[in-house]
Amino acid sequence: MRKIIVTFLILFIAGCSFYSDQEMETIQQIDRELNLILTSTEFIRSSNPYDYVQGHPDKFDYIVSQKDITLNHFLNKFLSSHSNGLEEYIMATVCVEILGAKNPVTEWSTGREWYEKYSSGNL
């Protein structure tokens, strides 16, 4: 029995490590770029999330350019959190940009709302 449990744990841990080193570096860079957008002091008084995005087009474009890696990473972040603030709005905006015409959600007012509608129709 112990051998079975150890084997199961090894397989489980190996299965959880499905990102390559390069993908992990990309995810870390995505998170750094997102954090720079979120912590921008020049837009701190703005209630419009698009001000943050438009103020950092190079960072936004980099995040979008990572396509599937970004999409999967952001969907996992939505799944593991119940937050609904600026970060989630910007993540949803990125996902919408990546999905383009494949985005099934046409109306949403918060990042969390976008994710809930997206996941209910696609997961």
PDB file of N, CA and C in Angstrom:
ATOM      1  N   MET A   1       0.829  -1.206   0.000  1.00  0.00           N
ATOM      2  CA  MET A   1       0.000   0.000   0.000  1.00  0.00           C
ATOM      3  C   MET A   1       0.867   1.262   0.000  1.00  0.00           C
ATOM      4  N   ARG A   2       1.919   1.235   0.806  1.00  0.00           N
ATOM      5  CA  ARG A   2       2.806   2.403   0.884  1.00  0.00           C
ATOM      6  C   ARG A   2       3.457   2.677  -0.474  1.00  0.00           C
ATOM      7  N   LYS A   3       3.849   1.618  -1.157  1.00  0.00           N
ATOM      8  CA  LYS A   3       4.473   1.762  -2.471  1.00  0.00           C
ATOM      9  C   LYS A   3       3.497   2.396  -3.466  1.00  0.00           C
ATOM     10  N   ILE A   4       2.248   2.030  -3.389  1.00  0.00           N
ATOM     11  CA  ILE A   4       1.227   2.600  -4.270  1.00  0.00           C
ATOM     12  C   ILE A   4       1.048   4.088  -3.990  1.00  0.00           C
ATOM     13  N   ILE A   5       1.013   4.450  -2.727  1.00  0.00           N
ATOM     14  CA  ILE A   5       0.845   5.865  -2.358  1.00  0.00           C
ATOM     15  C   ILE A   5       2.037   6.684  -2.819  1.00  0.00           C
ATOM     16  N   VAL A   6       3.251   6.164  -2.604  1.00  0.00           N
ATOM     17  CA  VAL A   6       4.459   6.876  -3.038  1.00  0.00           C
ATOM     18  C   VAL A   6       4.455   7.034  -4.552  1.00  0.00           C
ATOM     19  N   THR A   7       4.113   5.988  -5.269  1.00  0.00           N
ATOM     20  CA  THR A   7       4.042   6.057  -6.731  1.00  0.00           C
ATOM     21  C   THR A   7       3.008   7.087  -7.176  1.00  0.00           C
ATOM     22  N   PHE A   8       1.855   7.076  -6.533  1.00  0.00           N
ATOM     23  CA  PHE A   8       0.811   8.049  -6.857  1.00  0.00           C
ATOM     24  C   PHE A   8       1.305   9.474  -6.625  1.00  0.00           C
ATOM     25  N   LEU A   9       1.959   9.712  -5.496  1.00  0.00           N
ATOM     26  CA  LEU A   9       2.462  11.057  -5.187  1.00  0.00           C
ATOM     27  C   LEU A   9       3.501  11.514  -6.200  1.00  0.00           C
ATOM     28  N   ILE A  10       4.382  10.622  -6.599  1.00  0.00           N
ATOM     29  CA  ILE A  10       5.395  10.975  -7.599  1.00  0.00           C
ATOM     30  C   ILE A  10       4.729  11.336  -8.921  1.00  0.00           C
ATOM     31  N   LEU A  11       3.777  10.534  -9.344  1.00  0.00           N
ATOM     32  CA  LEU A  11       3.062  10.828 -10.590  1.00  0.00           C
ATOM     33  C   LEU A  11       2.268  12.122 -10.487  1.00  0.00           C
ATOM     34  N   PHE A  12       1.656  12.358  -9.325  1.00  0.00           N
ATOM     35  CA  PHE A  12       0.883  13.582  -9.125  1.00  0.00           C
ATOM     36  C   PHE A  12       1.779  14.811  -9.197  1.00  0.00           C
ATOM     37  N   ILE A  13       2.912  14.766  -8.511  1.00  0.00           N
ATOM     38  CA  ILE A  13       3.839  15.903  -8.517  1.00  0.00           C
ATOM     39  C   ILE A  13       4.384  16.133  -9.914  1.00  0.00           C
ATOM     40  N   ALA A  14       4.742  15.071 -10.601  1.00  0.00           N
ATOM     41  CA  ALA A  14       5.246  15.208 -11.972  1.00  0.00           C
ATOM     42  C   ALA A  14       4.177  15.787 -12.886  1.00  0.00           C
ATOM     43  N   GLY A  15       2.934  15.391 -12.683  1.00  0.00           N
ATOM     44  CA  GLY A  15       1.832  15.904 -13.497  1.00  0.00           C
ATOM     45  C   GLY A  15       1.546  17.363 -13.241  1.00  0.00           C
ATOM     46  N   CYS A  16       1.818  17.835 -12.036  1.00  0.00           N
ATOM     47  CA  CYS A  16       1.565  19.237 -11.697  1.00  0.00           C
ATOM     48  C   CYS A  16       2.618  20.161 -12.272  1.00  0.00           C
ATOM     49  N   SER A  17       3.745  19.615 -12.661  1.00  0.00           N
ATOM     50  CA  SER A  17       4.837  20.430 -13.188  1.00  0.00           C
ATOM     51  C   SER A  17       4.779  20.437 -14.709  1.00  0.00           C
ATOM     52  N   PHE A  18       3.694  20.933 -15.266  1.00  0.00           N
ATOM     53  CA  PHE A  18       3.504  20.855 -16.703  1.00  0.00           C
ATOM     54  C   PHE A  18       4.029  22.076 -17.445  1.00  0.00           C
ATOM     55  N   TYR A  19       4.568  23.056 -16.739  1.00  0.00           N
ATOM     56  CA  TYR A  19       5.167  24.209 -17.405  1.00  0.00           C
ATOM     57  C   TYR A  19       6.656  23.979 -17.579  1.00  0.00           C
ATOM     58  N   SER A  20       7.165  24.273 -18.754  1.00  0.00           N
ATOM     59  CA  SER A  20       8.604  24.200 -18.974  1.00  0.00           C
ATOM     60  C   SER A  20       9.266  25.394 -18.292  1.00  0.00           C
ATOM     61  N   ASP A  21      10.582  25.347 -18.191  1.00  0.00           N
ATOM     62  CA  ASP A  21      11.313  26.469 -17.595  1.00  0.00           C
ATOM     63  C   ASP A  21      11.062  27.752 -18.381  1.00  0.00           C
ATOM     64  N   GLN A  22      11.030  27.643 -19.700  1.00  0.00           N
ATOM     65  CA  GLN A  22      10.793  28.818 -20.544  1.00  0.00           C
ATOM     66  C   GLN A  22       9.405  29.390 -20.298  1.00  0.00           C
ATOM     67  N   GLU A  23       8.413  28.516 -20.184  1.00  0.00           N
ATOM     68  CA  GLU A  23       7.053  28.987 -19.906  1.00  0.00           C
ATOM     69  C   GLU A  23       6.962  29.645 -18.536  1.00  0.00           C
ATOM     70  N   MET A  24       7.663  29.092 -17.559  1.00  0.00           N
ATOM     71  CA  MET A  24       7.661  29.695 -16.222  1.00  0.00           C
ATOM     72  C   MET A  24       8.295  31.081 -16.252  1.00  0.00           C
ATOM     73  N   GLU A  25       9.374  31.233 -17.005  1.00  0.00           N
ATOM     74  CA  GLU A  25      10.003  32.550 -17.149  1.00  0.00           C
ATOM     75  C   GLU A  25       9.038  33.524 -17.818  1.00  0.00           C
ATOM     76  N   THR A  26       8.333  33.058 -18.823  1.00  0.00           N
ATOM     77  CA  THR A  26       7.357  33.901 -19.515  1.00  0.00           C
ATOM     78  C   THR A  26       6.237  34.306 -18.565  1.00  0.00           C
ATOM     79  N   ILE A  27       5.742  33.381 -17.775  1.00  0.00           N
ATOM     80  CA  ILE A  27       4.681  33.685 -16.806  1.00  0.00           C
ATOM     81  C   ILE A  27       5.160  34.707 -15.788  1.00  0.00           C
ATOM     82  N   GLN A  28       6.390  34.550 -15.330  1.00  0.00           N
ATOM     83  CA  GLN A  28       6.942  35.521 -14.381  1.00  0.00           C
ATOM     84  C   GLN A  28       7.040  36.904 -15.014  1.00  0.00           C
ATOM     85  N   GLN A  29       7.438  36.955 -16.294  1.00  0.00           N
ATOM     86  CA  GLN A  29       7.517  38.242 -16.987  1.00  0.00           C
ATOM     87  C   GLN A  29       6.123  38.835 -17.187  1.00  0.00           C
ATOM     88  N   ILE A  30       5.154  38.011 -17.508  1.00  0.00           N
ATOM     89  CA  ILE A  30       3.765  38.473 -17.640  1.00  0.00           C
ATOM     90  C   ILE A  30       3.306  39.100 -16.331  1.00  0.00           C
ATOM     91  N   ASP A  31       3.579  38.429 -15.221  1.00  0.00           N
ATOM     92  CA  ASP A  31       3.183  38.958 -13.911  1.00  0.00           C
ATOM     93  C   ASP A  31       3.899  40.264 -13.582  1.00  0.00           C
ATOM     94  N   ARG A  32       5.176  40.365 -13.960  1.00  0.00           N
ATOM     95  CA  ARG A  32       5.907  41.627 -13.727  1.00  0.00           C
ATOM     96  C   ARG A  32       5.292  42.765 -14.532  1.00  0.00           C
ATOM     97  N   GLU A  33       4.994  42.504 -15.799  1.00  0.00           N
ATOM     98  CA  GLU A  33       4.406  43.541 -16.657  1.00  0.00           C
ATOM     99  C   GLU A  33       3.026  43.950 -16.134  1.00  0.00           C
ATOM    100  N   LEU A  34       2.220  42.967 -15.740  1.00  0.00           N
ATOM    101  CA  LEU A  34       0.899  43.263 -15.186  1.00  0.00           C
ATOM    102  C   LEU A  34       1.031  44.098 -13.918  1.00  0.00           C
ATOM    103  N   ASN A  35       1.973  43.738 -13.063  1.00  0.00           N
ATOM    104  CA  ASN A  35       2.177  44.483 -11.823  1.00  0.00           C
ATOM    105  C   ASN A  35       2.590  45.928 -12.101  1.00  0.00           C
ATOM    106  N   LEU A  36       3.415  46.142 -13.113  1.00  0.00           N
ATOM    107  CA  LEU A  36       3.809  47.510 -13.469  1.00  0.00           C
ATOM    108  C   LEU A  36       2.605  48.327 -13.938  1.00  0.00           C
ATOM    109  N   ILE A  37       1.716  47.708 -14.679  1.00  0.00           N
ATOM    110  CA  ILE A  37       0.491  48.398 -15.101  1.00  0.00           C
ATOM    111  C   ILE A  37      -0.360  48.740 -13.881  1.00  0.00           C
ATOM    112  N   LEU A  38      -0.514  47.775 -12.988  1.00  0.00           N
ATOM    113  CA  LEU A  38      -1.392  47.951 -11.824  1.00  0.00           C
ATOM    114  C   LEU A  38      -0.877  48.974 -10.826  1.00  0.00           C
ATOM    115  N   THR A  39       0.422  49.100 -10.717  1.00  0.00           N
ATOM    116  CA  THR A  39       0.996  49.980  -9.694  1.00  0.00           C
ATOM    117  C   THR A  39       1.391  51.343 -10.240  1.00  0.00           C
ATOM    118  N   SER A  40       0.947  51.652 -11.430  1.00  0.00           N
ATOM    119  CA  SER A  40       1.249  52.942 -12.040  1.00  0.00           C
ATOM    120  C   SER A  40       0.665  54.075 -11.203  1.00  0.00           C
ATOM    121  N   THR A  41       1.518  54.951 -10.717  1.00  0.00           N
ATOM    122  CA  THR A  41       1.048  56.055  -9.867  1.00  0.00           C
ATOM    123  C   THR A  41       0.405  57.175 -10.672  1.00  0.00           C
ATOM    124  N   GLU A  42       0.680  57.241 -11.957  1.00  0.00           N
ATOM    125  CA  GLU A  42       0.118  58.335 -12.752  1.00  0.00           C
ATOM    126  C   GLU A  42      -1.390  58.202 -12.975  1.00  0.00           C
ATOM    127  N   PHE A  43      -1.934  57.005 -12.768  1.00  0.00           N
ATOM    128  CA  PHE A  43      -3.371  56.802 -12.987  1.00  0.00           C
ATOM    129  C   PHE A  43      -4.111  56.439 -11.706  1.00  0.00           C
ATOM    130  N   ILE A  44      -3.457  56.609 -10.584  1.00  0.00           N
ATOM    131  CA  ILE A  44      -4.024  56.163  -9.309  1.00  0.00           C
ATOM    132  C   ILE A  44      -5.366  56.810  -8.989  1.00  0.00           C
ATOM    133  N   ARG A  45      -5.601  57.989  -9.494  1.00  0.00           N
ATOM    134  CA  ARG A  45      -6.871  58.679  -9.229  1.00  0.00           C
ATOM    135  C   ARG A  45      -7.950  58.360 -10.255  1.00  0.00           C
ATOM    136  N   SER A  46      -7.579  57.600 -11.265  1.00  0.00           N
ATOM    137  CA  SER A  46      -8.536  57.271 -12.317  1.00  0.00           C
ATOM    138  C   SER A  46      -9.380  56.066 -11.915  1.00  0.00           C
ATOM    139  N   SER A  47     -10.652  56.145 -12.220  1.00  0.00           N
ATOM    140  CA  SER A  47     -11.535  55.001 -11.991  1.00  0.00           C
ATOM    141  C   SER A  47     -11.747  54.209 -13.280  1.00  0.00           C
ATOM    142  N   ASN A  48     -11.056  54.604 -14.338  1.00  0.00           N
ATOM    143  CA  ASN A  48     -11.187  53.946 -15.630  1.00  0.00           C
ATOM    144  C   ASN A  48     -10.018  52.976 -15.840  1.00  0.00           C
ATOM    145  N   PRO A  49     -10.263  51.669 -15.831  1.00  0.00           N
ATOM    146  CA  PRO A  49      -9.181  50.695 -16.012  1.00  0.00           C
ATOM    147  C   PRO A  49      -8.439  50.859 -17.336  1.00  0.00           C
ATOM    148  N   TYR A  50      -9.123  51.368 -18.346  1.00  0.00           N
ATOM    149  CA  TYR A  50      -8.473  51.535 -19.643  1.00  0.00           C
ATOM    150  C   TYR A  50      -7.384  52.600 -19.603  1.00  0.00           C
ATOM    151  N   ASP A  51      -7.447  53.526 -18.654  1.00  0.00           N
ATOM    152  CA  ASP A  51      -6.362  54.495 -18.495  1.00  0.00           C
ATOM    153  C   ASP A  51      -5.057  53.779 -18.173  1.00  0.00           C
ATOM    154  N   TYR A  52      -5.132  52.751 -17.335  1.00  0.00           N
ATOM    155  CA  TYR A  52      -3.939  51.985 -16.977  1.00  0.00           C
ATOM    156  C   TYR A  52      -3.390  51.249 -18.195  1.00  0.00           C
ATOM    157  N   VAL A  53      -4.282  50.656 -18.971  1.00  0.00           N
ATOM    158  CA  VAL A  53      -3.878  49.917 -20.168  1.00  0.00           C
ATOM    159  C   VAL A  53      -3.296  50.866 -21.204  1.00  0.00           C
ATOM    160  N   GLN A  54      -3.992  51.951 -21.486  1.00  0.00           N
ATOM    161  CA  GLN A  54      -3.532  52.901 -22.495  1.00  0.00           C
ATOM    162  C   GLN A  54      -2.257  53.615 -22.071  1.00  0.00           C
ATOM    163  N   GLY A  55      -2.023  53.699 -20.770  1.00  0.00           N
ATOM    164  CA  GLY A  55      -0.809  54.333 -20.271  1.00  0.00           C
ATOM    165  C   GLY A  55       0.421  53.451 -20.386  1.00  0.00           C
ATOM    166  N   HIS A  56       0.218  52.175 -20.664  1.00  0.00           N
ATOM    167  CA  HIS A  56       1.327  51.220 -20.764  1.00  0.00           C
ATOM    168  C   HIS A  56       1.125  50.290 -21.958  1.00  0.00           C
ATOM    169  N   PRO A  57       1.045  50.843 -23.165  1.00  0.00           N
ATOM    170  CA  PRO A  57       0.741  49.989 -24.322  1.00  0.00           C
ATOM    171  C   PRO A  57       1.799  48.918 -24.577  1.00  0.00           C
ATOM    172  N   ASP A  58       3.071  49.216 -24.305  1.00  0.00           N
ATOM    173  CA  ASP A  58       4.120  48.224 -24.538  1.00  0.00           C
ATOM    174  C   ASP A  58       3.976  47.026 -23.599  1.00  0.00           C
ATOM    175  N   LYS A  59       3.630  47.276 -22.351  1.00  0.00           N
ATOM    176  CA  LYS A  59       3.450  46.196 -21.383  1.00  0.00           C
ATOM    177  C   LYS A  59       2.197  45.380 -21.718  1.00  0.00           C
ATOM    178  N   PHE A  60       1.121  46.069 -22.048  1.00  0.00           N
ATOM    179  CA  PHE A  60      -0.119  45.396 -22.437  1.00  0.00           C
ATOM    180  C   PHE A  60       0.119  44.539 -23.680  1.00  0.00           C
ATOM    181  N   ASP A  61       0.793  45.107 -24.682  1.00  0.00           N
ATOM    182  CA  ASP A  61       1.059  44.367 -25.917  1.00  0.00           C
ATOM    183  C   ASP A  61       1.920  43.132 -25.666  1.00  0.00           C
ATOM    184  N   TYR A  62       2.907  43.261 -24.770  1.00  0.00           N
ATOM    185  CA  TYR A  62       3.739  42.096 -24.446  1.00  0.00           C
ATOM    186  C   TYR A  62       2.878  40.991 -23.840  1.00  0.00           C
ATOM    187  N   ILE A  63       2.044  41.354 -22.876  1.00  0.00           N
ATOM    188  CA  ILE A  63       1.194  40.362 -22.207  1.00  0.00           C
ATOM    189  C   ILE A  63       0.286  39.676 -23.229  1.00  0.00           C
ATOM    190  N   VAL A  64      -0.326  40.452 -24.106  1.00  0.00           N
ATOM    191  CA  VAL A  64      -1.208  39.891 -25.141  1.00  0.00           C
ATOM    192  C   VAL A  64      -0.416  39.012 -26.111  1.00  0.00           C
ATOM    193  N   SER A  65       0.798  39.408 -26.424  1.00  0.00           N
ATOM    194  CA  SER A  65       1.599  38.673 -27.413  1.00  0.00           C
ATOM    195  C   SER A  65       1.966  37.261 -26.959  1.00  0.00           C
ATOM    196  N   GLN A  66       1.838  36.994 -25.679  1.00  0.00           N
ATOM    197  CA  GLN A  66       2.170  35.659 -25.167  1.00  0.00           C
ATOM    198  C   GLN A  66       0.995  34.690 -25.294  1.00  0.00           C
ATOM    199  N   LYS A  67      -0.070  35.139 -25.865  1.00  0.00           N
ATOM    200  CA  LYS A  67      -1.274  34.395 -26.245  1.00  0.00           C
ATOM    201  C   LYS A  67      -1.676  33.267 -25.296  1.00  0.00           C
ATOM    202  N   ASP A  68      -1.487  32.011 -25.698  1.00  0.00           N
ATOM    203  CA  ASP A  68      -1.992  30.873 -24.918  1.00  0.00           C
ATOM    204  C   ASP A  68      -1.400  30.807 -23.514  1.00  0.00           C
ATOM    205  N   ILE A  69      -0.135  31.156 -23.385  1.00  0.00           N
ATOM    206  CA  ILE A  69       0.476  31.136 -22.050  1.00  0.00           C
ATOM    207  C   ILE A  69      -0.239  32.134 -21.155  1.00  0.00           C
ATOM    208  N   THR A  70      -0.455  33.347 -21.663  1.00  0.00           N
ATOM    209  CA  THR A  70      -1.156  34.370 -20.885  1.00  0.00           C
ATOM    210  C   THR A  70      -2.587  33.940 -20.596  1.00  0.00           C
ATOM    211  N   LEU A  71      -3.290  33.487 -21.604  1.00  0.00           N
ATOM    212  CA  LEU A  71      -4.690  33.100 -21.430  1.00  0.00           C
ATOM    213  C   LEU A  71      -4.826  32.018 -20.356  1.00  0.00           C
ATOM    214  N   ASN A  72      -4.032  30.968 -20.457  1.00  0.00           N
ATOM    215  CA  ASN A  72      -4.102  29.888 -19.466  1.00  0.00           C
ATOM    216  C   ASN A  72      -3.711  30.376 -18.075  1.00  0.00           C
ATOM    217  N   HIS A  73      -2.684  31.204 -18.009  1.00  0.00           N
ATOM    218  CA  HIS A  73      -2.232  31.730 -16.717  1.00  0.00           C
ATOM    219  C   HIS A  73      -3.316  32.590 -16.074  1.00  0.00           C
ATOM    220  N   PHE A  74      -3.916  33.482 -16.845  1.00  0.00           N
ATOM    221  CA  PHE A  74      -4.945  34.359 -16.290  1.00  0.00           C
ATOM    222  C   PHE A  74      -6.205  33.577 -15.916  1.00  0.00           C
ATOM    223  N   LEU A  75      -6.584  32.595 -16.708  1.00  0.00           N
ATOM    224  CA  LEU A  75      -7.747  31.778 -16.350  1.00  0.00           C
ATOM    225  C   LEU A  75      -7.495  31.024 -15.046  1.00  0.00           C
ATOM    226  N   ASN A  76      -6.270  30.548 -14.860  1.00  0.00           N
ATOM    227  CA  ASN A  76      -5.921  29.889 -13.598  1.00  0.00           C
ATOM    228  C   ASN A  76      -5.946  30.870 -12.434  1.00  0.00           C
ATOM    229  N   LYS A  77      -5.511  32.109 -12.676  1.00  0.00           N
ATOM    230  CA  LYS A  77      -5.552  33.120 -11.611  1.00  0.00           C
ATOM    231  C   LYS A  77      -6.999  33.434 -11.229  1.00  0.00           C
ATOM    232  N   PHE A  78      -7.860  33.557 -12.216  1.00  0.00           N
ATOM    233  CA  PHE A  78      -9.285  33.771 -11.931  1.00  0.00           C
ATOM    234  C   PHE A  78      -9.840  32.607 -11.113  1.00  0.00           C
ATOM    235  N   LEU A  79      -9.499  31.403 -11.515  1.00  0.00           N
ATOM    236  CA  LEU A  79     -10.014  30.208 -10.857  1.00  0.00           C
ATOM    237  C   LEU A  79      -9.584  30.120  -9.393  1.00  0.00           C
ATOM    238  N   SER A  80      -8.367  30.555  -9.114  1.00  0.00           N
ATOM    239  CA  SER A  80      -7.831  30.397  -7.759  1.00  0.00           C
ATOM    240  C   SER A  80      -8.112  31.586  -6.847  1.00  0.00           C
ATOM    241  N   SER A  81      -8.854  32.566  -7.329  1.00  0.00           N
ATOM    242  CA  SER A  81      -9.136  33.758  -6.529  1.00  0.00           C
ATOM    243  C   SER A  81     -10.596  34.160  -6.719  1.00  0.00           C
ATOM    244  N   HIS A  82     -11.102  34.913  -5.773  1.00  0.00           N
ATOM    245  CA  HIS A  82     -12.460  35.442  -5.913  1.00  0.00           C
ATOM    246  C   HIS A  82     -12.440  36.967  -5.947  1.00  0.00           C
ATOM    247  N   SER A  83     -11.256  37.532  -6.165  1.00  0.00           N
ATOM    248  CA  SER A  83     -11.117  38.986  -6.211  1.00  0.00           C
ATOM    249  C   SER A  83     -11.821  39.542  -7.433  1.00  0.00           C
ATOM    250  N   ASN A  84     -12.131  40.832  -7.365  1.00  0.00           N
ATOM    251  CA  ASN A  84     -12.847  41.469  -8.462  1.00  0.00           C
ATOM    252  C   ASN A  84     -12.491  42.951  -8.509  1.00  0.00           C
ATOM    253  N   GLY A  85     -11.241  43.218  -8.814  1.00  0.00           N
ATOM    254  CA  GLY A  85     -10.789  44.596  -8.831  1.00  0.00           C
ATOM    255  C   GLY A  85     -10.122  44.964 -10.142  1.00  0.00           C
ATOM    256  N   LEU A  86      -9.216  45.917 -10.051  1.00  0.00           N
ATOM    257  CA  LEU A  86      -8.507  46.412 -11.229  1.00  0.00           C
ATOM    258  C   LEU A  86      -7.724  45.297 -11.922  1.00  0.00           C
ATOM    259  N   GLU A  87      -7.032  44.481 -11.147  1.00  0.00           N
ATOM    260  CA  GLU A  87      -6.240  43.402 -11.743  1.00  0.00           C
ATOM    261  C   GLU A  87      -7.119  42.470 -12.571  1.00  0.00           C
ATOM    262  N   GLU A  88      -8.243  42.092 -12.031  1.00  0.00           N
ATOM    263  CA  GLU A  88      -9.140  41.180 -12.741  1.00  0.00           C
ATOM    264  C   GLU A  88      -9.715  41.835 -13.998  1.00  0.00           C
ATOM    265  N   TYR A  89      -9.988  43.128 -13.926  1.00  0.00           N
ATOM    266  CA  TYR A  89     -10.512  43.830 -15.095  1.00  0.00           C
ATOM    267  C   TYR A  89      -9.472  43.839 -16.211  1.00  0.00           C
ATOM    268  N   ILE A  90      -8.230  44.136 -15.847  1.00  0.00           N
ATOM    269  CA  ILE A  90      -7.175  44.174 -16.857  1.00  0.00           C
ATOM    270  C   ILE A  90      -6.905  42.770 -17.391  1.00  0.00           C
ATOM    271  N   MET A  91      -6.926  41.762 -16.530  1.00  0.00           N
ATOM    272  CA  MET A  91      -6.748  40.386 -17.011  1.00  0.00           C
ATOM    273  C   MET A  91      -7.860  40.009 -17.987  1.00  0.00           C
ATOM    274  N   ALA A  92      -9.086  40.380 -17.684  1.00  0.00           N
ATOM    275  CA  ALA A  92     -10.203  40.092 -18.589  1.00  0.00           C
ATOM    276  C   ALA A  92     -10.019  40.824 -19.912  1.00  0.00           C
ATOM    277  N   THR A  93      -9.567  42.064 -19.849  1.00  0.00           N
ATOM    278  CA  THR A  93      -9.324  42.845 -21.065  1.00  0.00           C
ATOM    279  C   THR A  93      -8.275  42.166 -21.936  1.00  0.00           C
ATOM    280  N   VAL A  94      -7.222  41.665 -21.311  1.00  0.00           N
ATOM    281  CA  VAL A  94      -6.180  40.941 -22.039  1.00  0.00           C
ATOM    282  C   VAL A  94      -6.762  39.677 -22.674  1.00  0.00           C
ATOM    283  N   CYS A  95      -7.527  38.928 -21.908  1.00  0.00           N
ATOM    284  CA  CYS A  95      -8.125  37.689 -22.428  1.00  0.00           C
ATOM    285  C   CYS A  95      -9.041  37.963 -23.616  1.00  0.00           C
ATOM    286  N   VAL A  96      -9.831  39.010 -23.520  1.00  0.00           N
ATOM    287  CA  VAL A  96     -10.721  39.391 -24.623  1.00  0.00           C
ATOM    288  C   VAL A  96      -9.898  39.719 -25.867  1.00  0.00           C
ATOM    289  N   GLU A  97      -8.812  40.432 -25.681  1.00  0.00           N
ATOM    290  CA  GLU A  97      -7.937  40.795 -26.804  1.00  0.00           C
ATOM    291  C   GLU A  97      -7.327  39.543 -27.436  1.00  0.00           C
ATOM    292  N   ILE A  98      -6.874  38.624 -26.611  1.00  0.00           N
ATOM    293  CA  ILE A  98      -6.274  37.388 -27.124  1.00  0.00           C
ATOM    294  C   ILE A  98      -7.314  36.542 -27.862  1.00  0.00           C
ATOM    295  N   LEU A  99      -8.486  36.397 -27.283  1.00  0.00           N
ATOM    296  CA  LEU A  99      -9.528  35.556 -27.879  1.00  0.00           C
ATOM    297  C   LEU A  99     -10.093  36.141 -29.166  1.00  0.00           C
ATOM    298  N   GLY A 100     -10.124  37.458 -29.266  1.00  0.00           N
ATOM    299  CA  GLY A 100     -10.656  38.101 -30.455  1.00  0.00           C
ATOM    300  C   GLY A 100     -12.078  37.655 -30.743  1.00  0.00           C
ATOM    301  N   ALA A 101     -12.325  37.220 -31.965  1.00  0.00           N
ATOM    302  CA  ALA A 101     -13.670  36.801 -32.378  1.00  0.00           C
ATOM    303  C   ALA A 101     -14.134  35.530 -31.662  1.00  0.00           C
ATOM    304  N   LYS A 102     -13.217  34.802 -31.038  1.00  0.00           N
ATOM    305  CA  LYS A 102     -13.578  33.574 -30.314  1.00  0.00           C
ATOM    306  C   LYS A 102     -14.086  33.860 -28.905  1.00  0.00           C
ATOM    307  N   ASN A 103     -14.080  35.119 -28.504  1.00  0.00           N
ATOM    308  CA  ASN A 103     -14.582  35.480 -27.179  1.00  0.00           C
ATOM    309  C   ASN A 103     -16.105  35.397 -27.183  1.00  0.00           C
ATOM    310  N   PRO A 104     -16.685  34.496 -26.392  1.00  0.00           N
ATOM    311  CA  PRO A 104     -18.138  34.336 -26.402  1.00  0.00           C
ATOM    312  C   PRO A 104     -18.880  35.344 -25.525  1.00  0.00           C
ATOM    313  N   VAL A 105     -18.144  36.114 -24.737  1.00  0.00           N
ATOM    314  CA  VAL A 105     -18.776  37.042 -23.795  1.00  0.00           C
ATOM    315  C   VAL A 105     -18.828  38.425 -24.434  1.00  0.00           C
ATOM    316  N   THR A 106     -20.031  38.895 -24.692  1.00  0.00           N
ATOM    317  CA  THR A 106     -20.171  40.187 -25.360  1.00  0.00           C
ATOM    318  C   THR A 106     -20.429  41.331 -24.395  1.00  0.00           C
ATOM    319  N   GLU A 107     -20.987  41.034 -23.245  1.00  0.00           N
ATOM    320  CA  GLU A 107     -21.282  42.093 -22.276  1.00  0.00           C
ATOM    321  C   GLU A 107     -20.755  41.703 -20.906  1.00  0.00           C
ATOM    322  N   TRP A 108     -19.989  42.604 -20.317  1.00  0.00           N
ATOM    323  CA  TRP A 108     -19.482  42.394 -18.967  1.00  0.00           C
ATOM    324  C   TRP A 108     -19.065  43.745 -18.405  1.00  0.00           C
ATOM    325  N   SER A 109     -19.159  43.880 -17.101  1.00  0.00           N
ATOM    326  CA  SER A 109     -18.802  45.161 -16.484  1.00  0.00           C
ATOM    327  C   SER A 109     -17.660  45.034 -15.486  1.00  0.00           C
ATOM    328  N   THR A 110     -17.319  43.809 -15.091  1.00  0.00           N
ATOM    329  CA  THR A 110     -16.174  43.583 -14.209  1.00  0.00           C
ATOM    330  C   THR A 110     -15.379  42.396 -14.739  1.00  0.00           C
ATOM    331  N   GLY A 111     -14.134  42.319 -14.335  1.00  0.00           N
ATOM    332  CA  GLY A 111     -13.313  41.191 -14.744  1.00  0.00           C
ATOM    333  C   GLY A 111     -13.871  39.865 -14.263  1.00  0.00           C
ATOM    334  N   ARG A 112     -14.351  39.833 -13.042  1.00  0.00           N
ATOM    335  CA  ARG A 112     -14.929  38.612 -12.477  1.00  0.00           C
ATOM    336  C   ARG A 112     -16.166  38.192 -13.265  1.00  0.00           C
ATOM    337  N   GLU A 113     -16.992  39.176 -13.647  1.00  0.00           N
ATOM    338  CA  GLU A 113     -18.187  38.865 -14.438  1.00  0.00           C
ATOM    339  C   GLU A 113     -17.786  38.252 -15.775  1.00  0.00           C
ATOM    340  N   TRP A 114     -16.759  38.826 -16.415  1.00  0.00           N
ATOM    341  CA  TRP A 114     -16.301  38.257 -17.678  1.00  0.00           C
ATOM    342  C   TRP A 114     -15.882  36.807 -17.474  1.00  0.00           C
ATOM    343  N   TYR A 115     -15.073  36.559 -16.457  1.00  0.00           N
ATOM    344  CA  TYR A 115     -14.582  35.200 -16.211  1.00  0.00           C
ATOM    345  C   TYR A 115     -15.721  34.224 -15.938  1.00  0.00           C
ATOM    346  N   GLU A 116     -16.662  34.622 -15.109  1.00  0.00           N
ATOM    347  CA  GLU A 116     -17.769  33.723 -14.776  1.00  0.00           C
ATOM    348  C   GLU A 116     -18.597  33.382 -16.008  1.00  0.00           C
ATOM    349  N   LYS A 117     -18.845  34.372 -16.855  1.00  0.00           N
ATOM    350  CA  LYS A 117     -19.588  34.101 -18.093  1.00  0.00           C
ATOM    351  C   LYS A 117     -18.757  33.234 -19.036  1.00  0.00           C
ATOM    352  N   TYR A 118     -17.478  33.545 -19.152  1.00  0.00           N
ATOM    353  CA  TYR A 118     -16.597  32.775 -20.030  1.00  0.00           C
ATOM    354  C   TYR A 118     -16.495  31.326 -19.563  1.00  0.00           C
ATOM    355  N   SER A 119     -16.245  31.141 -18.284  1.00  0.00           N
ATOM    356  CA  SER A 119     -16.045  29.779 -17.775  1.00  0.00           C
ATOM    357  C   SER A 119     -17.331  28.957 -17.796  1.00  0.00           C
ATOM    358  N   SER A 120     -18.466  29.598 -17.637  1.00  0.00           N
ATOM    359  CA  SER A 120     -19.719  28.835 -17.669  1.00  0.00           C
ATOM    360  C   SER A 120     -20.035  28.330 -19.069  1.00  0.00           C
ATOM    361  N   GLY A 121     -19.508  28.982 -20.078  1.00  0.00           N
ATOM    362  CA  GLY A 121     -19.775  28.563 -21.444  1.00  0.00           C
ATOM    363  C   GLY A 121     -18.656  27.782 -22.088  1.00  0.00           C
ATOM    364  N   ASN A 122     -17.491  27.747 -21.439  1.00  0.00           N
ATOM    365  CA  ASN A 122     -16.337  27.149 -22.104  1.00  0.00           C
ATOM    366  C   ASN A 122     -15.591  26.103 -21.298  1.00  0.00           C
ATOM    367  N   LEU A 123     -15.904  25.959 -20.031  1.00  0.00           N
ATOM    368  CA  LEU A 123     -15.127  24.992 -19.237  1.00  0.00           C
ATOM    369  C   LEU A 123     -15.956  23.789 -18.871  1.00  0.00           C
TER     370      LEU A 123
END
